[in-house]
């Protein structure tokens, strides 16, 4: 579930996971994506190994956002 709209430009680095949340690797969005625009096609992601996935075939998050989440989670553990 997405709690806020996703808007990314072509070339954005993303972290990609399979349906069981196993890390598949890093990838690049192949075109602009805006979750609020009904005319935006499903995003295509090119993984480091050259494989291309559709956004509906995996879980993905911009790497910049993933780093923010990791820092927040790790910071919570440091405080306990």
N, C-alpha and C. Protein backbone atom coordinates (compact mmCIF):
# COMPACT_ATOMS: atom_id res chain seq x y z
N UNK A 1 0.84 -1.18 0.00
CA UNK A 1 0.00 0.00 0.00
C UNK A 1 0.88 1.24 0.00
N UNK A 2 0.58 2.16 -0.85
CA UNK A 2 1.34 3.40 -0.95
C UNK A 2 0.61 4.47 -0.15
N UNK A 3 1.32 5.11 0.78
CA UNK A 3 0.67 6.13 1.60
C UNK A 3 0.79 7.53 1.01
N UNK A 4 1.60 7.66 -0.04
CA UNK A 4 1.70 8.95 -0.72
C UNK A 4 1.94 8.68 -2.20
N UNK A 5 1.59 9.63 -3.06
CA UNK A 5 1.79 9.44 -4.49
C UNK A 5 3.27 9.23 -4.84
N UNK A 6 3.50 8.47 -5.88
CA UNK A 6 4.85 8.22 -6.35
C UNK A 6 5.02 8.97 -7.67
N UNK A 7 6.06 9.79 -7.73
CA UNK A 7 6.38 10.52 -8.95
C UNK A 7 7.88 10.43 -9.15
N UNK A 8 8.31 9.76 -10.22
CA UNK A 8 9.73 9.55 -10.48
C UNK A 8 10.04 9.86 -11.94
N UNK A 9 11.24 10.33 -12.17
CA UNK A 9 11.71 10.61 -13.53
C UNK A 9 12.42 9.40 -14.11
N UNK A 10 12.44 9.34 -15.42
CA UNK A 10 13.23 8.31 -16.10
C UNK A 10 14.66 8.41 -15.59
N UNK A 11 15.28 7.27 -15.34
CA UNK A 11 16.64 7.25 -14.84
C UNK A 11 16.75 7.17 -13.33
N UNK A 12 15.62 7.26 -12.62
CA UNK A 12 15.63 7.15 -11.17
C UNK A 12 16.10 5.76 -10.76
N UNK A 13 17.06 5.69 -9.83
CA UNK A 13 17.52 4.40 -9.33
C UNK A 13 16.52 3.89 -8.31
N UNK A 14 16.15 2.62 -8.44
CA UNK A 14 15.19 2.00 -7.53
C UNK A 14 15.75 0.70 -6.97
N UNK A 15 15.25 0.32 -5.80
CA UNK A 15 15.54 -0.99 -5.23
C UNK A 15 14.35 -1.88 -5.55
N UNK A 16 14.63 -3.10 -5.98
CA UNK A 16 13.58 -3.99 -6.48
C UNK A 16 13.54 -5.28 -5.66
N UNK A 17 12.33 -5.70 -5.31
CA UNK A 17 12.11 -6.89 -4.49
C UNK A 17 11.06 -7.78 -5.16
N UNK A 18 11.16 -9.09 -4.92
CA UNK A 18 10.12 -9.98 -5.45
C UNK A 18 8.91 -9.93 -4.51
N UNK A 19 7.89 -10.69 -4.81
CA UNK A 19 6.64 -10.66 -4.06
C UNK A 19 6.83 -11.07 -2.60
N UNK A 20 7.88 -11.85 -2.31
CA UNK A 20 8.17 -12.27 -0.93
C UNK A 20 9.15 -11.32 -0.24
N UNK A 21 9.42 -10.18 -0.89
CA UNK A 21 10.32 -9.14 -0.40
C UNK A 21 11.78 -9.56 -0.41
N UNK A 22 12.15 -10.52 -1.25
CA UNK A 22 13.55 -10.87 -1.45
C UNK A 22 14.16 -9.81 -2.37
N UNK A 23 15.29 -9.26 -1.96
CA UNK A 23 15.96 -8.22 -2.74
C UNK A 23 16.45 -8.79 -4.07
N UNK A 24 16.01 -8.20 -5.17
CA UNK A 24 16.42 -8.64 -6.50
C UNK A 24 17.59 -7.83 -7.05
N UNK A 25 17.74 -6.61 -6.55
CA UNK A 25 18.83 -5.77 -7.02
C UNK A 25 18.38 -4.34 -7.24
N UNK A 26 19.28 -3.59 -7.82
CA UNK A 26 19.00 -2.20 -8.15
C UNK A 26 18.58 -2.12 -9.61
N UNK A 27 17.78 -1.13 -9.90
CA UNK A 27 17.34 -0.93 -11.27
C UNK A 27 17.15 0.54 -11.57
N UNK A 28 16.79 0.80 -12.81
CA UNK A 28 16.57 2.16 -13.30
C UNK A 28 15.20 2.20 -13.96
N UNK A 29 14.40 3.23 -13.61
CA UNK A 29 13.13 3.42 -14.31
C UNK A 29 13.42 3.86 -15.74
N UNK A 30 12.71 3.26 -16.69
CA UNK A 30 12.97 3.55 -18.10
C UNK A 30 12.20 4.75 -18.63
N UNK A 31 11.19 5.23 -17.89
CA UNK A 31 10.47 6.43 -18.30
C UNK A 31 9.84 7.08 -17.07
N UNK A 32 9.35 8.30 -17.22
CA UNK A 32 8.72 9.02 -16.12
C UNK A 32 7.51 8.25 -15.62
N UNK A 33 7.27 8.32 -14.30
CA UNK A 33 6.13 7.64 -13.71
C UNK A 33 5.47 8.55 -12.68
N UNK A 34 4.14 8.66 -12.75
CA UNK A 34 3.36 9.46 -11.82
C UNK A 34 2.13 8.64 -11.45
N UNK A 35 2.07 8.17 -10.20
CA UNK A 35 0.97 7.30 -9.77
C UNK A 35 -0.39 8.00 -9.78
N UNK A 36 -0.40 9.33 -9.79
CA UNK A 36 -1.66 10.06 -9.80
C UNK A 36 -2.20 10.31 -11.21
N UNK A 37 -1.40 10.06 -12.22
CA UNK A 37 -1.80 10.29 -13.62
C UNK A 37 -2.31 8.97 -14.21
N UNK A 38 -3.61 8.91 -14.48
CA UNK A 38 -4.23 7.68 -14.99
C UNK A 38 -3.67 7.25 -16.35
N UNK A 39 -3.10 8.19 -17.10
CA UNK A 39 -2.56 7.88 -18.42
C UNK A 39 -1.11 7.39 -18.38
N UNK A 40 -0.49 7.42 -17.19
CA UNK A 40 0.89 6.94 -17.07
C UNK A 40 0.88 5.42 -17.17
N UNK A 41 1.63 4.84 -18.11
CA UNK A 41 1.68 3.38 -18.21
C UNK A 41 2.43 2.76 -17.03
N UNK A 42 2.24 1.46 -16.86
CA UNK A 42 2.95 0.73 -15.80
C UNK A 42 4.45 0.95 -15.98
N UNK A 43 5.16 1.26 -14.90
CA UNK A 43 6.59 1.53 -15.04
C UNK A 43 7.37 0.28 -15.46
N UNK A 44 8.38 0.50 -16.27
CA UNK A 44 9.32 -0.57 -16.63
C UNK A 44 10.63 -0.27 -15.92
N UNK A 45 11.22 -1.32 -15.34
CA UNK A 45 12.44 -1.19 -14.56
C UNK A 45 13.50 -2.11 -15.16
N UNK A 46 14.65 -1.54 -15.49
CA UNK A 46 15.75 -2.35 -16.01
C UNK A 46 16.71 -2.64 -14.86
N UNK A 47 16.84 -3.93 -14.52
CA UNK A 47 17.73 -4.34 -13.45
C UNK A 47 19.18 -4.29 -13.91
N UNK A 48 20.10 -4.35 -12.95
CA UNK A 48 21.53 -4.32 -13.25
C UNK A 48 21.94 -5.47 -14.18
N UNK A 49 21.25 -6.60 -14.08
CA UNK A 49 21.59 -7.76 -14.92
C UNK A 49 20.99 -7.66 -16.32
N UNK A 50 20.28 -6.57 -16.63
CA UNK A 50 19.70 -6.35 -17.94
C UNK A 50 18.24 -6.78 -18.05
N UNK A 51 17.75 -7.54 -17.08
CA UNK A 51 16.36 -7.99 -17.10
C UNK A 51 15.43 -6.78 -16.94
N UNK A 52 14.31 -6.80 -17.65
CA UNK A 52 13.34 -5.72 -17.55
C UNK A 52 12.07 -6.28 -16.91
N UNK A 53 11.62 -5.61 -15.86
CA UNK A 53 10.41 -5.99 -15.15
C UNK A 53 9.39 -4.88 -15.25
N UNK A 54 8.11 -5.24 -15.23
CA UNK A 54 7.06 -4.25 -15.10
C UNK A 54 6.87 -3.97 -13.61
N UNK A 55 6.44 -2.77 -13.29
CA UNK A 55 6.23 -2.41 -11.90
C UNK A 55 5.24 -3.30 -11.18
N UNK A 56 4.30 -3.91 -11.92
CA UNK A 56 3.31 -4.79 -11.31
C UNK A 56 3.86 -6.19 -11.01
N UNK A 57 5.06 -6.49 -11.48
CA UNK A 57 5.67 -7.80 -11.28
C UNK A 57 6.56 -7.87 -10.05
N UNK A 58 6.71 -6.74 -9.36
CA UNK A 58 7.65 -6.68 -8.24
C UNK A 58 7.26 -5.53 -7.32
N UNK A 59 7.94 -5.47 -6.18
CA UNK A 59 7.86 -4.32 -5.30
C UNK A 59 9.08 -3.46 -5.62
N UNK A 60 8.90 -2.15 -5.69
CA UNK A 60 10.03 -1.27 -5.96
C UNK A 60 9.86 0.03 -5.21
N UNK A 61 10.99 0.64 -4.91
CA UNK A 61 10.99 1.92 -4.21
C UNK A 61 12.23 2.70 -4.67
N UNK A 62 12.08 4.01 -4.88
CA UNK A 62 13.26 4.79 -5.22
C UNK A 62 14.34 4.61 -4.14
N UNK A 63 15.58 4.43 -4.56
CA UNK A 63 16.68 4.18 -3.62
C UNK A 63 16.80 5.28 -2.57
N UNK A 64 16.55 6.51 -2.96
CA UNK A 64 16.63 7.64 -2.02
C UNK A 64 15.61 7.47 -0.89
N UNK A 65 14.39 7.04 -1.23
CA UNK A 65 13.36 6.81 -0.22
C UNK A 65 13.71 5.61 0.64
N UNK A 66 14.26 4.57 0.04
CA UNK A 66 14.65 3.37 0.79
C UNK A 66 15.70 3.71 1.84
N UNK A 67 16.65 4.58 1.49
CA UNK A 67 17.69 4.98 2.44
C UNK A 67 17.09 5.72 3.63
N UNK A 68 16.11 6.57 3.38
CA UNK A 68 15.45 7.31 4.47
C UNK A 68 14.77 6.33 5.43
N UNK A 69 14.11 5.32 4.88
CA UNK A 69 13.42 4.32 5.70
C UNK A 69 14.43 3.53 6.52
N UNK A 70 15.52 3.11 5.88
CA UNK A 70 16.54 2.33 6.58
C UNK A 70 17.12 3.13 7.75
N UNK A 71 17.41 4.41 7.54
CA UNK A 71 17.97 5.25 8.60
C UNK A 71 16.98 5.39 9.75
N UNK A 72 15.70 5.55 9.41
CA UNK A 72 14.67 5.70 10.44
C UNK A 72 14.55 4.42 11.27
N UNK A 73 14.55 3.27 10.59
CA UNK A 73 14.43 1.99 11.29
C UNK A 73 15.66 1.73 12.15
N UNK A 74 16.84 1.92 11.58
CA UNK A 74 18.07 1.68 12.34
C UNK A 74 18.19 2.64 13.51
N UNK A 75 17.75 3.86 13.34
CA UNK A 75 17.77 4.84 14.43
C UNK A 75 16.86 4.43 15.57
N UNK A 76 15.73 3.82 15.25
CA UNK A 76 14.81 3.35 16.28
C UNK A 76 15.46 2.24 17.11
N UNK A 77 16.24 1.38 16.47
CA UNK A 77 16.92 0.30 17.20
C UNK A 77 18.04 0.83 18.08
N UNK A 78 18.71 1.89 17.66
CA UNK A 78 19.81 2.46 18.44
C UNK A 78 19.28 3.07 19.74
N UNK A 79 18.06 3.59 19.72
CA UNK A 79 17.49 4.24 20.89
C UNK A 79 17.05 3.25 21.96
N UNK A 80 16.90 1.97 21.60
CA UNK A 80 16.42 0.96 22.56
C UNK A 80 17.55 0.21 23.19
